[in-house]
């Protein structure tokens, strides 16, 4: 391949990568990050995104260059010359995706393991899902119940899920993690909120006619405020 062709491919690839990067960076695709686990998940998201942009740039450069450089004339109905495979090139374009996918798998496994580990002295909360509302109780505070999930900031939390009727799914976008609730099973979700605020709790599993209205709130509070609420009588 001539040097001029290589330069053209590089220019097209850089332009394609710039456009893809702008699409990835300019819009605010992700909601606010409000937990330590969310930061790790966002890292995986951007790690995979930049790999995809890299691959897209190469594919776009080769595709655009080929369509532009090797297009046939309007009156040319002949077949192109036969081309034999290039073993070295085939090895390269097989090895590179394999390495990239392996890297994604390793990074994802590390993040999943860290996010699934509860911190020291975690707050334990039971989460109950029932058509079409959420409820919560706190075993460490006399099974205090609430229709709003209240959590202290910067403390590890273990949520134990309970489905009372059908399938549901617990999701707080700002925490990034989602957990399905299955009747008879009690999976756990580990979260460490790190930003005070109020965030929506959403059911993301179709659970009946009122599914779209199955919402609640999680309020992340300062530790002193949480203790005052948790030790106060009533809901």
C-alpha atoms as a PDB file:
ATOM      1  CA  UNK A   1       0.000   0.000   0.000  1.00  0.00           C
ATOM      2  CA  UNK A   2       1.321   3.421  -0.944  1.00  0.00           C
ATOM      3  CA  UNK A   3       2.177   6.000   1.713  1.00  0.00           C
ATOM      4  CA  UNK A   4      -0.537   8.327   0.425  1.00  0.00           C
ATOM      5  CA  UNK A   5      -3.195   5.656   0.917  1.00  0.00           C
ATOM      6  CA  UNK A   6      -2.022   5.015   4.479  1.00  0.00           C
ATOM      7  CA  UNK A   7      -2.210   8.729   5.258  1.00  0.00           C
ATOM      8  CA  UNK A   8      -5.735   8.890   3.830  1.00  0.00           C
ATOM      9  CA  UNK A   9      -6.819   5.913   5.939  1.00  0.00           C
ATOM     10  CA  UNK A  10      -5.375   7.515   9.071  1.00  0.00           C
ATOM     11  CA  UNK A  11      -7.096  10.839   8.371  1.00  0.00           C
ATOM     12  CA  UNK A  12     -10.462   9.150   7.801  1.00  0.00           C
ATOM     13  CA  UNK A  13      -9.999   7.059  10.954  1.00  0.00           C
ATOM     14  CA  UNK A  14      -9.132  10.108  13.060  1.00  0.00           C
ATOM     15  CA  UNK A  15     -12.172  12.003  11.757  1.00  0.00           C
ATOM     16  CA  UNK A  16     -14.462   9.028  12.402  1.00  0.00           C
ATOM     17  CA  UNK A  17     -13.015   8.648  15.905  1.00  0.00           C
ATOM     18  CA  UNK A  18     -13.486  12.360  16.584  1.00  0.00           C
ATOM     19  CA  UNK A  19     -17.148  12.218  15.561  1.00  0.00           C
ATOM     20  CA  UNK A  20     -17.754   9.092  17.661  1.00  0.00           C
ATOM     21  CA  UNK A  21     -15.954  10.662  20.645  1.00  0.00           C
ATOM     22  CA  UNK A  22     -18.097  13.796  20.377  1.00  0.00           C
ATOM     23  CA  UNK A  23     -21.258  11.675  20.346  1.00  0.00           C
ATOM     24  CA  UNK A  24     -19.996   9.799  23.418  1.00  0.00           C
ATOM     25  CA  UNK A  25     -18.812  12.805  25.437  1.00  0.00           C
ATOM     26  CA  UNK A  26     -21.033  15.792  24.637  1.00  0.00           C
ATOM     27  CA  UNK A  27     -24.472  14.408  25.659  1.00  0.00           C
ATOM     28  CA  UNK A  28     -24.875  13.601  29.347  1.00  0.00           C
ATOM     29  CA  UNK A  29     -25.706   9.928  28.858  1.00  0.00           C
ATOM     30  CA  UNK A  30     -25.398   8.767  32.472  1.00  0.00           C
ATOM     31  CA  UNK A  31     -27.335   9.907  35.543  1.00  0.00           C
ATOM     32  CA  UNK A  32     -25.576  11.268  38.617  1.00  0.00           C
ATOM     33  CA  UNK A  33     -23.221   8.822  40.299  1.00  0.00           C
ATOM     34  CA  UNK A  34     -24.277   8.403  43.936  1.00  0.00           C
ATOM     35  CA  UNK A  35     -22.444   5.284  45.140  1.00  0.00           C
ATOM     36  CA  UNK A  36     -18.942   3.846  45.155  1.00  0.00           C
ATOM     37  CA  UNK A  37     -20.153   0.929  43.070  1.00  0.00           C
ATOM     38  CA  UNK A  38     -21.520   3.332  40.459  1.00  0.00           C
ATOM     39  CA  UNK A  39     -18.052   4.813  39.967  1.00  0.00           C
ATOM     40  CA  UNK A  40     -16.630   1.369  39.207  1.00  0.00           C
ATOM     41  CA  UNK A  41     -19.478   0.542  36.833  1.00  0.00           C
ATOM     42  CA  UNK A  42     -18.991   3.852  35.032  1.00  0.00           C
ATOM     43  CA  UNK A  43     -15.313   2.984  34.605  1.00  0.00           C
ATOM     44  CA  UNK A  44     -16.277  -0.266  32.857  1.00  0.00           C
ATOM     45  CA  UNK A  45     -18.783   1.632  30.711  1.00  0.00           C
ATOM     46  CA  UNK A  46     -16.180   4.120  29.488  1.00  0.00           C
ATOM     47  CA  UNK A  47     -13.503   1.446  29.148  1.00  0.00           C
ATOM     48  CA  UNK A  48     -15.755  -0.498  26.772  1.00  0.00           C
ATOM     49  CA  UNK A  49     -16.894   2.705  25.030  1.00  0.00           C
ATOM     50  CA  UNK A  50     -13.331   3.768  24.159  1.00  0.00           C
ATOM     51  CA  UNK A  51     -12.543   0.285  22.850  1.00  0.00           C
ATOM     52  CA  UNK A  52     -15.666   0.450  20.674  1.00  0.00           C
ATOM     53  CA  UNK A  53     -14.671   3.891  19.364  1.00  0.00           C
ATOM     54  CA  UNK A  54     -11.197   2.555  18.506  1.00  0.00           C
ATOM     55  CA  UNK A  55     -12.660  -0.405  16.594  1.00  0.00           C
ATOM     56  CA  UNK A  56     -15.281   1.806  14.933  1.00  0.00           C
ATOM     57  CA  UNK A  57     -12.599   4.217  13.714  1.00  0.00           C
ATOM     58  CA  UNK A  58     -10.662   1.427  12.005  1.00  0.00           C
ATOM     59  CA  UNK A  59     -13.742  -0.165  10.431  1.00  0.00           C
ATOM     60  CA  UNK A  60     -15.124   3.200   9.297  1.00  0.00           C
ATOM     61  CA  UNK A  61     -11.779   4.224   7.786  1.00  0.00           C
ATOM     62  CA  UNK A  62     -11.420   1.013   5.775  1.00  0.00           C
ATOM     63  CA  UNK A  63     -15.074   1.054   4.681  1.00  0.00           C
ATOM     64  CA  UNK A  64     -15.147   4.711   3.594  1.00  0.00           C
ATOM     65  CA  UNK A  65     -11.761   4.450   1.867  1.00  0.00           C
ATOM     66  CA  UNK A  66     -12.788   1.286  -0.002  1.00  0.00           C
ATOM     67  CA  UNK A  67     -16.119   2.721  -1.166  1.00  0.00           C
ATOM     68  CA  UNK A  68     -14.415   5.914  -2.316  1.00  0.00           C
ATOM     69  CA  UNK A  69     -11.239   4.455  -3.844  1.00  0.00           C
ATOM     70  CA  UNK A  70     -12.433   1.206  -5.380  1.00  0.00           C
ATOM     71  CA  UNK A  71     -15.921   2.090  -6.568  1.00  0.00           C
ATOM     72  CA  UNK A  72     -16.713   0.800 -10.053  1.00  0.00           C
ATOM     73  CA  UNK A  73     -17.605   3.008 -12.978  1.00  0.00           C
ATOM     74  CA  UNK A  74     -21.307   3.314 -13.877  1.00  0.00           C
ATOM     75  CA  UNK A  75     -20.888   1.195 -17.052  1.00  0.00           C
ATOM     76  CA  UNK A  76     -18.545  -1.405 -15.519  1.00  0.00           C
ATOM     77  CA  UNK A  77     -20.399  -4.716 -15.052  1.00  0.00           C
ATOM     78  CA  UNK A  78     -17.309  -6.921 -14.868  1.00  0.00           C
ATOM     79  CA  UNK A  79     -16.319  -8.984 -11.854  1.00  0.00           C
ATOM     80  CA  UNK A  80     -13.392  -7.850  -9.772  1.00  0.00           C
ATOM     81  CA  UNK A  81     -10.126  -9.806  -9.762  1.00  0.00           C
ATOM     82  CA  UNK A  82     -10.065 -12.902  -7.517  1.00  0.00           C
ATOM     83  CA  UNK A  83      -8.286 -12.295  -4.210  1.00  0.00           C
ATOM     84  CA  UNK A  84      -6.658 -14.970  -2.069  1.00  0.00           C
ATOM     85  CA  UNK A  85      -6.796 -14.651   1.716  1.00  0.00           C
ATOM     86  CA  UNK A  86      -3.965 -13.026   3.651  1.00  0.00           C
ATOM     87  CA  UNK A  87      -3.008 -15.345   6.525  1.00  0.00           C
ATOM     88  CA  UNK A  88      -1.060 -12.748   8.501  1.00  0.00           C
ATOM     89  CA  UNK A  89      -3.856 -10.191   8.277  1.00  0.00           C
ATOM     90  CA  UNK A  90      -6.437 -12.781   9.309  1.00  0.00           C
ATOM     91  CA  UNK A  91      -4.362 -13.688  12.369  1.00  0.00           C
ATOM     92  CA  UNK A  92      -4.090 -10.015  13.348  1.00  0.00           C
ATOM     93  CA  UNK A  93      -7.794  -9.239  13.024  1.00  0.00           C
ATOM     94  CA  UNK A  94      -8.609 -12.359  15.042  1.00  0.00           C
ATOM     95  CA  UNK A  95      -5.999 -11.810  17.759  1.00  0.00           C
ATOM     96  CA  UNK A  96      -6.762  -8.128  18.426  1.00  0.00           C
ATOM     97  CA  UNK A  97     -10.531  -8.605  19.074  1.00  0.00           C
ATOM     98  CA  UNK A  98      -9.695 -11.626  21.240  1.00  0.00           C
ATOM     99  CA  UNK A  99      -7.352  -9.513  23.370  1.00  0.00           C
ATOM    100  CA  UNK A 100      -9.879  -6.678  23.609  1.00  0.00           C
ATOM    101  CA  UNK A 101     -12.740  -8.968  24.646  1.00  0.00           C
ATOM    102  CA  UNK A 102     -10.460 -10.681  27.182  1.00  0.00           C
ATOM    103  CA  UNK A 103      -9.515  -7.292  28.642  1.00  0.00           C
ATOM    104  CA  UNK A 104     -13.198  -6.339  28.938  1.00  0.00           C
ATOM    105  CA  UNK A 105     -13.968  -9.654  30.658  1.00  0.00           C
ATOM    106  CA  UNK A 106     -11.118  -9.244  33.165  1.00  0.00           C
ATOM    107  CA  UNK A 107     -12.016  -5.645  34.041  1.00  0.00           C
ATOM    108  CA  UNK A 108     -15.710  -6.560  34.379  1.00  0.00           C
ATOM    109  CA  UNK A 109     -14.925  -9.541  36.628  1.00  0.00           C
ATOM    110  CA  UNK A 110     -12.762  -7.401  38.929  1.00  0.00           C
ATOM    111  CA  UNK A 111     -15.444  -4.714  39.224  1.00  0.00           C
ATOM    112  CA  UNK A 112     -18.183  -7.305  39.798  1.00  0.00           C
ATOM    113  CA  UNK A 113     -16.156  -8.935  42.590  1.00  0.00           C
ATOM    114  CA  UNK A 114     -15.486  -5.583  44.286  1.00  0.00           C
ATOM    115  CA  UNK A 115     -19.117  -4.487  43.995  1.00  0.00           C
ATOM    116  CA  UNK A 116     -20.311  -7.783  45.453  1.00  0.00           C
ATOM    117  CA  UNK A 117     -18.193  -7.419  48.603  1.00  0.00           C
ATOM    118  CA  UNK A 118     -19.865  -5.850  51.627  1.00  0.00           C
ATOM    119  CA  UNK A 119     -17.832  -3.383  53.648  1.00  0.00           C
ATOM    120  CA  UNK A 120     -17.209  -3.483  57.388  1.00  0.00           C
ATOM    121  CA  UNK A 121     -20.244  -3.186  59.674  1.00  0.00           C
ATOM    122  CA  UNK A 122     -22.834  -2.969  56.886  1.00  0.00           C
ATOM    123  CA  UNK A 123     -26.348  -1.690  57.442  1.00  0.00           C
ATOM    124  CA  UNK A 124     -28.802  -4.476  56.635  1.00  0.00           C
ATOM    125  CA  UNK A 125     -32.152  -3.653  55.085  1.00  0.00           C
ATOM    126  CA  UNK A 126     -34.934  -5.942  53.877  1.00  0.00           C
ATOM    127  CA  UNK A 127     -36.522  -4.804  50.620  1.00  0.00           C
ATOM    128  CA  UNK A 128     -40.073  -6.019  49.919  1.00  0.00           C
ATOM    129  CA  UNK A 129     -41.698  -5.799  46.492  1.00  0.00           C
ATOM    130  CA  UNK A 130     -45.422  -6.326  46.028  1.00  0.00           C
ATOM    131  CA  UNK A 131     -47.839  -5.252  43.325  1.00  0.00           C
ATOM    132  CA  UNK A 132     -47.383  -2.291  43.055  1.00  0.00           C
ATOM    133  CA  UNK A 133     -45.325  -0.771  45.848  1.00  0.00           C
ATOM    134  CA  UNK A 134     -42.068  -1.069  47.764  1.00  0.00           C
ATOM    135  CA  UNK A 135     -41.524  -1.344  51.516  1.00  0.00           C
ATOM    136  CA  UNK A 136     -38.433  -1.649  53.687  1.00  0.00           C
ATOM    137  CA  UNK A 137     -37.528  -2.758  57.193  1.00  0.00           C
ATOM    138  CA  UNK A 138     -34.380  -2.430  59.271  1.00  0.00           C
ATOM    139  CA  UNK A 139     -33.548  -5.523  61.412  1.00  0.00           C
ATOM    140  CA  UNK A 140     -30.851  -3.628  63.320  1.00  0.00           C
ATOM    141  CA  UNK A 141     -33.383  -1.029  64.455  1.00  0.00           C
ATOM    142  CA  UNK A 142     -36.177  -3.201  65.806  1.00  0.00           C
ATOM    143  CA  UNK A 143     -37.491  -4.043  62.316  1.00  0.00           C
ATOM    144  CA  UNK A 144     -38.468  -0.433  61.788  1.00  0.00           C
ATOM    145  CA  UNK A 145     -40.553  -0.216  58.608  1.00  0.00           C
ATOM    146  CA  UNK A 146     -40.800   2.484  55.971  1.00  0.00           C
ATOM    147  CA  UNK A 147     -42.225   3.074  52.512  1.00  0.00           C
ATOM    148  CA  UNK A 148     -39.117   5.131  51.710  1.00  0.00           C
ATOM    149  CA  UNK A 149     -35.631   3.647  51.691  1.00  0.00           C
ATOM    150  CA  UNK A 150     -33.427   5.779  53.932  1.00  0.00           C
ATOM    151  CA  UNK A 151     -29.675   5.132  53.959  1.00  0.00           C
ATOM    152  CA  UNK A 152     -26.679   6.784  55.650  1.00  0.00           C
ATOM    153  CA  UNK A 153     -24.030   8.232  53.371  1.00  0.00           C
ATOM    154  CA  UNK A 154     -20.609   6.528  53.171  1.00  0.00           C
ATOM    155  CA  UNK A 155     -21.740   3.352  54.934  1.00  0.00           C
ATOM    156  CA  UNK A 156     -21.885  -0.075  53.331  1.00  0.00           C
ATOM    157  CA  UNK A 157     -25.442  -1.358  52.920  1.00  0.00           C
ATOM    158  CA  UNK A 158     -26.661  -4.904  52.268  1.00  0.00           C
ATOM    159  CA  UNK A 159     -30.143  -5.022  50.748  1.00  0.00           C
ATOM    160  CA  UNK A 160     -31.893  -8.395  51.032  1.00  0.00           C
ATOM    161  CA  UNK A 161     -34.627  -8.767  48.436  1.00  0.00           C
ATOM    162  CA  UNK A 162     -38.071 -10.303  48.991  1.00  0.00           C
ATOM    163  CA  UNK A 163     -40.781 -10.659  46.334  1.00  0.00           C
ATOM    164  CA  UNK A 164     -44.221 -11.241  47.866  1.00  0.00           C
ATOM    165  CA  UNK A 165     -46.107 -12.145  44.701  1.00  0.00           C
ATOM    166  CA  UNK A 166     -44.567 -11.985  41.209  1.00  0.00           C
ATOM    167  CA  UNK A 167     -41.250 -11.075  39.612  1.00  0.00           C
ATOM    168  CA  UNK A 168     -39.979  -7.553  40.280  1.00  0.00           C
ATOM    169  CA  UNK A 169     -36.656  -5.774  39.808  1.00  0.00           C
ATOM    170  CA  UNK A 170     -35.039  -3.184  42.082  1.00  0.00           C
ATOM    171  CA  UNK A 171     -33.161  -0.364  40.360  1.00  0.00           C
ATOM    172  CA  UNK A 172     -31.829   3.008  41.443  1.00  0.00           C
ATOM    173  CA  UNK A 173     -30.234   4.620  38.348  1.00  0.00           C
ATOM    174  CA  UNK A 174     -27.830   6.702  40.446  1.00  0.00           C
ATOM    175  CA  UNK A 175     -26.529   3.512  42.119  1.00  0.00           C
ATOM    176  CA  UNK A 176     -26.231   1.778  38.700  1.00  0.00           C
ATOM    177  CA  UNK A 177     -26.912  -1.688  40.119  1.00  0.00           C
ATOM    178  CA  UNK A 178     -30.082  -3.655  39.463  1.00  0.00           C
ATOM    179  CA  UNK A 179     -31.349  -6.785  41.192  1.00  0.00           C
ATOM    180  CA  UNK A 180     -34.218  -9.048  40.161  1.00  0.00           C
ATOM    181  CA  UNK A 181     -36.610 -10.207  42.889  1.00  0.00           C
ATOM    182  CA  UNK A 182     -37.949 -13.746  42.524  1.00  0.00           C
ATOM    183  CA  UNK A 183     -40.552 -15.261  44.875  1.00  0.00           C
ATOM    184  CA  UNK A 184     -38.868 -17.783  47.159  1.00  0.00           C
ATOM    185  CA  UNK A 185     -35.349 -16.425  46.569  1.00  0.00           C
ATOM    186  CA  UNK A 186     -33.586 -13.749  48.623  1.00  0.00           C
ATOM    187  CA  UNK A 187     -30.629 -12.302  46.709  1.00  0.00           C
ATOM    188  CA  UNK A 188     -28.596  -9.466  48.181  1.00  0.00           C
ATOM    189  CA  UNK A 189     -27.339  -6.218  46.714  1.00  0.00           C
ATOM    190  CA  UNK A 190     -24.363  -4.340  48.178  1.00  0.00           C
ATOM    191  CA  UNK A 191     -24.371  -0.552  47.944  1.00  0.00           C
ATOM    192  CA  UNK A 192     -22.266   2.185  49.513  1.00  0.00           C
ATOM    193  CA  UNK A 193     -24.029   5.526  48.944  1.00  0.00           C
ATOM    194  CA  UNK A 194     -21.559   8.406  48.747  1.00  0.00           C
ATOM    195  CA  UNK A 195     -23.734  11.385  47.849  1.00  0.00           C
ATOM    196  CA  UNK A 196     -26.512  12.879  49.965  1.00  0.00           C
ATOM    197  CA  UNK A 197     -29.736  13.282  48.013  1.00  0.00           C
ATOM    198  CA  UNK A 198     -33.070  11.795  46.975  1.00  0.00           C
ATOM    199  CA  UNK A 199     -33.188   9.274  44.129  1.00  0.00           C
ATOM    200  CA  UNK A 200     -35.939   7.196  42.490  1.00  0.00           C
ATOM    201  CA  UNK A 201     -36.474   3.494  43.110  1.00  0.00           C
ATOM    202  CA  UNK A 202     -37.868   1.898  39.958  1.00  0.00           C
ATOM    203  CA  UNK A 203     -39.270  -1.545  39.213  1.00  0.00           C
ATOM    204  CA  UNK A 204     -37.773  -2.665  35.894  1.00  0.00           C
ATOM    205  CA  UNK A 205     -39.549  -6.020  35.567  1.00  0.00           C
ATOM    206  CA  UNK A 206     -43.042  -6.055  34.052  1.00  0.00           C
ATOM    207  CA  UNK A 207     -45.171  -7.088  37.032  1.00  0.00           C
ATOM    208  CA  UNK A 208     -48.747  -6.251  36.065  1.00  0.00           C
ATOM    209  CA  UNK A 209     -51.035  -3.407  35.054  1.00  0.00           C
ATOM    210  CA  UNK A 210     -49.596  -1.018  37.640  1.00  0.00           C
ATOM    211  CA  UNK A 211     -45.950  -1.727  36.798  1.00  0.00           C
ATOM    212  CA  UNK A 212     -45.244   1.774  35.445  1.00  0.00           C
ATOM    213  CA  UNK A 213     -46.440   3.284  38.733  1.00  0.00           C
ATOM    214  CA  UNK A 214     -44.351   1.035  40.985  1.00  0.00           C
ATOM    215  CA  UNK A 215     -41.990   3.710  42.236  1.00  0.00           C
ATOM    216  CA  UNK A 216     -40.447   4.656  45.542  1.00  0.00           C
ATOM    217  CA  UNK A 217     -37.635   6.869  46.799  1.00  0.00           C
ATOM    218  CA  UNK A 218     -34.267   6.376  48.423  1.00  0.00           C
ATOM    219  CA  UNK A 219     -33.043   9.204  50.625  1.00  0.00           C
ATOM    220  CA  UNK A 220     -29.319   9.219  51.357  1.00  0.00           C
ATOM    221  CA  UNK A 221     -28.780  11.073  54.627  1.00  0.00           C
ATOM    222  CA  UNK A 222     -25.927  12.197  56.815  1.00  0.00           C
ATOM    223  CA  UNK A 223     -25.142   9.549  59.480  1.00  0.00           C
ATOM    224  CA  UNK A 224     -26.452  11.618  62.409  1.00  0.00           C
ATOM    225  CA  UNK A 225     -29.706  12.387  60.610  1.00  0.00           C
ATOM    226  CA  UNK A 226     -30.152   8.717  59.739  1.00  0.00           C
ATOM    227  CA  UNK A 227     -29.577   7.617  63.341  1.00  0.00           C
ATOM    228  CA  UNK A 228     -32.126  10.143  64.579  1.00  0.00           C
ATOM    229  CA  UNK A 229     -34.693   8.859  62.094  1.00  0.00           C
ATOM    230  CA  UNK A 230     -33.910   5.165  62.674  1.00  0.00           C
ATOM    231  CA  UNK A 231     -34.153   5.402  66.476  1.00  0.00           C
ATOM    232  CA  UNK A 232     -37.294   7.523  66.428  1.00  0.00           C
ATOM    233  CA  UNK A 233     -40.557   5.682  67.013  1.00  0.00           C
ATOM    234  CA  UNK A 234     -42.889   5.363  64.065  1.00  0.00           C
ATOM    235  CA  UNK A 235     -42.160   5.250  60.358  1.00  0.00           C
END
